[in-house]
Amino acid sequence: MTDSLRNKFLYYSPSEYEEKDYFADSLIYVCENNKEGSIGLIVNRSIDVQMVDNFIDVKEQKHLNQKIALGGPVESTSIFVLHTIDKVNEPDVWVTNEIGFSSNKQVIENILKGKSPDKFIFSFGYTGWGPNQLENEIAHNSWEITNANDEILFDTPNNLKINKLSEVSGFDPRIINQTQGSS
């Protein structure tokens, strides 16, 4: 298996689904994709919780008003961070040479204290797939795949990310013929 899905966006588009499906209208950034499975974060959903609610012991508070994304159903009570790479914060997973994925408390506290990086997304939970599970779902047309874009990922408000993706990619994944999917 190749790592061809890492650093890609996925948009949930099965041939049949109900709006109450967990992944309905979800834009997922794929952080890891290998023979052991895949990991991603839903990057277009925020929950009404701020970092201050979870790290009140941090004395130097810079980003405590940051909203937390709902990254996915796996380990949904744990905090993860997708962030740009810098000299201070070594990621748990290197997504690209510029982007990392971490659950390390020190990395999270460094960001809250303003010790860089400047671009990051905090999330509760992540989205995970077992070996070949994501590839099978893609083969059954459940996901639209597009190239990731740092501007969409870090600089676009969550409620506008799919609109921006549509603008950048030249198609709206919400209105793609549900029976076509991606290959």
Protein backbone atom coordinates (compact mmCIF):
# COMPACT_ATOMS: atom_id res chain seq x y z
CA MET A 1 0.00 0.00 0.00
CA THR A 2 1.26 3.47 -0.78
CA ASP A 3 0.86 6.59 1.27
CA SER A 4 -1.06 8.30 -1.52
CA LEU A 5 -3.89 9.57 0.71
CA ARG A 6 -1.68 11.38 3.22
CA ASN A 7 -2.05 15.17 2.99
CA LYS A 8 -5.34 14.89 1.06
CA PHE A 9 -8.84 16.11 1.82
CA LEU A 10 -11.71 13.63 1.91
CA TYR A 11 -15.34 14.65 1.60
CA TYR A 12 -18.00 12.13 2.60
CA SER A 13 -20.12 11.31 -0.46
CA PRO A 14 -21.58 7.79 -0.34
CA SER A 15 -24.24 6.85 -2.87
CA GLU A 16 -26.83 6.81 -0.07
CA TYR A 17 -26.68 8.48 3.30
CA GLU A 18 -28.86 10.36 5.70
CA GLU A 19 -28.01 13.83 6.97
CA LYS A 20 -27.80 12.40 10.48
CA ASP A 21 -24.81 10.23 9.46
CA TYR A 22 -21.77 11.10 11.58
CA PHE A 23 -19.66 12.07 8.57
CA ALA A 24 -22.36 13.99 6.67
CA ASP A 25 -20.85 17.21 5.30
CA SER A 26 -17.43 16.34 6.78
CA LEU A 27 -14.15 17.52 5.33
CA ILE A 28 -11.35 15.30 6.61
CA TYR A 29 -7.64 15.95 6.39
CA VAL A 30 -5.69 12.67 6.12
CA CYS A 31 -2.66 12.66 8.45
CA GLU A 32 -1.53 9.06 8.09
CA ASN A 33 -2.19 6.30 5.58
CA ASN A 34 -0.21 3.07 5.64
CA LYS A 35 -0.60 -0.72 5.87
CA GLU A 36 -1.77 -0.40 9.49
CA GLY A 37 -4.63 1.96 8.62
CA SER A 38 -5.40 5.64 8.28
CA ILE A 39 -5.82 8.63 10.58
CA GLY A 40 -7.51 11.92 9.77
CA LEU A 41 -9.16 14.92 11.36
CA ILE A 42 -12.52 16.45 10.54
CA VAL A 43 -11.43 20.04 9.95
CA ASN A 44 -14.71 21.80 9.24
CA ARG A 45 -16.59 21.24 12.51
CA SER A 46 -16.12 23.09 15.77
CA ILE A 47 -17.76 22.37 19.07
CA ASP A 48 -18.76 24.96 21.61
CA VAL A 49 -15.75 24.34 23.85
CA GLN A 50 -12.63 26.44 24.22
CA MET A 51 -9.14 25.41 25.25
CA VAL A 52 -9.54 27.35 28.51
CA ASP A 53 -12.05 24.69 29.55
CA ASN A 54 -9.30 22.05 29.35
CA PHE A 55 -6.04 23.79 30.30
CA ILE A 56 -6.78 26.17 33.14
CA ASP A 57 -3.39 25.39 34.71
CA VAL A 58 -1.45 27.06 31.88
CA LYS A 59 -0.12 30.32 33.34
CA GLU A 60 0.89 32.03 30.09
CA GLN A 61 -2.35 31.89 28.17
CA LYS A 62 -2.21 32.88 24.53
CA HIS A 63 -4.64 30.67 22.62
CA LEU A 64 -7.06 29.64 25.36
CA ASN A 65 -10.01 31.18 23.49
CA GLN A 66 -9.30 28.90 20.52
CA LYS A 67 -12.32 26.79 19.60
CA ILE A 68 -11.83 23.05 19.45
CA ALA A 69 -12.68 21.07 16.33
CA LEU A 70 -14.59 17.82 16.45
CA GLY A 71 -11.86 15.71 14.84
CA GLY A 72 -13.71 12.41 14.86
CA PRO A 73 -15.20 9.61 16.90
CA VAL A 74 -11.94 7.88 17.93
CA GLU A 75 -10.63 8.93 21.36
CA SER A 76 -13.22 11.71 21.31
CA THR A 77 -12.36 12.95 24.82
CA SER A 78 -8.63 13.35 24.05
CA ILE A 79 -7.08 16.50 22.58
CA PHE A 80 -5.04 16.36 19.39
CA VAL A 81 -3.41 19.13 17.42
CA LEU A 82 -2.62 19.49 13.74
CA HIS A 83 0.16 22.07 13.43
CA THR A 84 2.86 23.52 11.30
CA ILE A 85 6.35 22.22 12.07
CA ASP A 86 8.86 24.36 13.94
CA LYS A 87 12.07 23.89 15.95
CA VAL A 88 10.25 23.69 19.31
CA ASN A 89 7.41 21.26 18.66
CA GLU A 90 8.33 17.81 17.33
CA PRO A 91 5.15 16.11 16.03
CA ASP A 92 4.08 12.57 16.85
CA VAL A 93 3.28 12.07 13.14
CA TRP A 94 4.95 13.94 10.29
CA VAL A 95 2.21 14.49 7.72
CA THR A 96 4.45 16.53 5.44
CA ASN A 97 7.73 18.39 5.96
CA GLU A 98 5.63 21.37 7.06
CA ILE A 99 2.66 19.81 8.93
CA GLY A 100 2.53 17.51 11.94
CA PHE A 101 -0.11 15.75 14.03
CA SER A 102 0.38 15.44 17.80
CA SER A 103 -1.28 14.38 21.01
CA ASN A 104 1.75 15.22 23.13
CA LYS A 105 0.70 17.41 26.07
CA GLN A 106 3.94 19.39 25.88
CA VAL A 107 3.30 20.37 22.25
CA ILE A 108 -0.24 21.46 23.16
CA GLU A 109 0.98 23.48 26.16
CA ASN A 110 3.75 25.08 24.08
CA ILE A 111 1.17 26.29 21.58
CA LEU A 112 -1.04 27.63 24.36
CA LYS A 113 1.96 29.50 25.79
CA GLY A 114 2.63 31.07 22.39
CA LYS A 115 5.85 29.14 21.73
CA SER A 116 4.84 28.67 18.10
CA PRO A 117 3.79 27.32 15.68
CA ASP A 118 1.49 30.01 14.40
CA LYS A 119 -0.85 27.68 12.53
CA PHE A 120 -2.68 24.87 14.28
CA ILE A 121 -6.04 23.18 14.84
CA PHE A 122 -6.96 21.69 18.20
CA SER A 123 -9.44 18.80 18.08
CA PHE A 124 -11.27 16.37 20.28
CA GLY A 125 -10.74 12.94 18.79
CA TYR A 126 -9.72 11.85 15.35
CA THR A 127 -11.07 9.74 12.54
CA GLY A 128 -9.50 6.33 12.07
CA TRP A 129 -9.70 3.39 9.70
CA GLY A 130 -8.24 -0.10 10.03
CA PRO A 131 -6.00 -1.73 7.42
CA ASN A 132 -7.43 -1.17 3.92
CA GLN A 133 -10.75 0.09 5.36
CA LEU A 134 -10.45 3.58 3.87
CA GLU A 135 -9.33 2.22 0.51
CA ASN A 136 -12.37 -0.09 0.48
CA GLU A 137 -14.70 2.81 1.30
CA ILE A 138 -13.13 4.83 -1.51
CA ALA A 139 -13.58 1.89 -3.89
CA HIS A 140 -17.28 1.92 -2.93
CA ASN A 141 -17.52 5.66 -3.77
CA SER A 142 -17.94 6.84 -0.17
CA TRP A 143 -15.34 9.63 -0.34
CA GLU A 144 -14.35 12.38 -2.76
CA ILE A 145 -10.58 12.96 -2.71
CA THR A 146 -8.97 16.34 -3.37
CA ASN A 147 -5.55 17.82 -2.81
CA ALA A 148 -5.12 19.49 0.55
CA ASN A 149 -4.49 23.18 0.71
CA ASP A 150 -2.82 24.94 3.68
CA GLU A 151 -4.97 28.05 3.24
CA ILE A 152 -8.15 25.99 3.55
CA LEU A 153 -6.72 23.90 6.36
CA PHE A 154 -5.42 26.65 8.64
CA ASP A 155 -6.65 30.05 7.42
CA THR A 156 -10.28 29.47 6.37
CA PRO A 157 -13.07 29.50 8.97
CA ASN A 158 -14.54 26.04 9.49
CA ASN A 159 -17.97 26.98 8.15
CA LEU A 160 -16.39 28.21 4.89
CA LYS A 161 -13.86 25.41 4.24
CA ILE A 162 -16.04 23.43 1.84
CA ASN A 163 -16.95 26.60 -0.08
CA LYS A 164 -13.24 27.47 -0.36
CA LEU A 165 -12.42 23.89 -1.42
CA SER A 166 -15.06 24.20 -4.15
CA GLU A 167 -13.51 27.45 -5.34
CA VAL A 168 -9.95 26.06 -5.36
CA SER A 169 -10.74 22.64 -6.85
CA GLY A 170 -13.25 23.84 -9.43
CA PHE A 171 -16.10 21.60 -8.25
CA ASP A 172 -18.42 21.45 -5.29
CA PRO A 173 -18.09 18.06 -3.57
CA ARG A 174 -21.56 18.52 -2.05
CA ILE A 175 -23.24 18.27 -5.45
CA ILE A 176 -21.10 15.64 -7.15
CA ASN A 177 -23.28 12.86 -8.50
CA GLN A 178 -23.43 10.55 -5.50
CA THR A 179 -23.20 7.47 -7.72
CA GLN A 180 -19.95 8.60 -9.36
CA GLY A 181 -17.60 8.97 -6.36
CA SER A 182 -13.82 9.04 -6.77
CA SER A 183 -11.33 6.48 -7.82
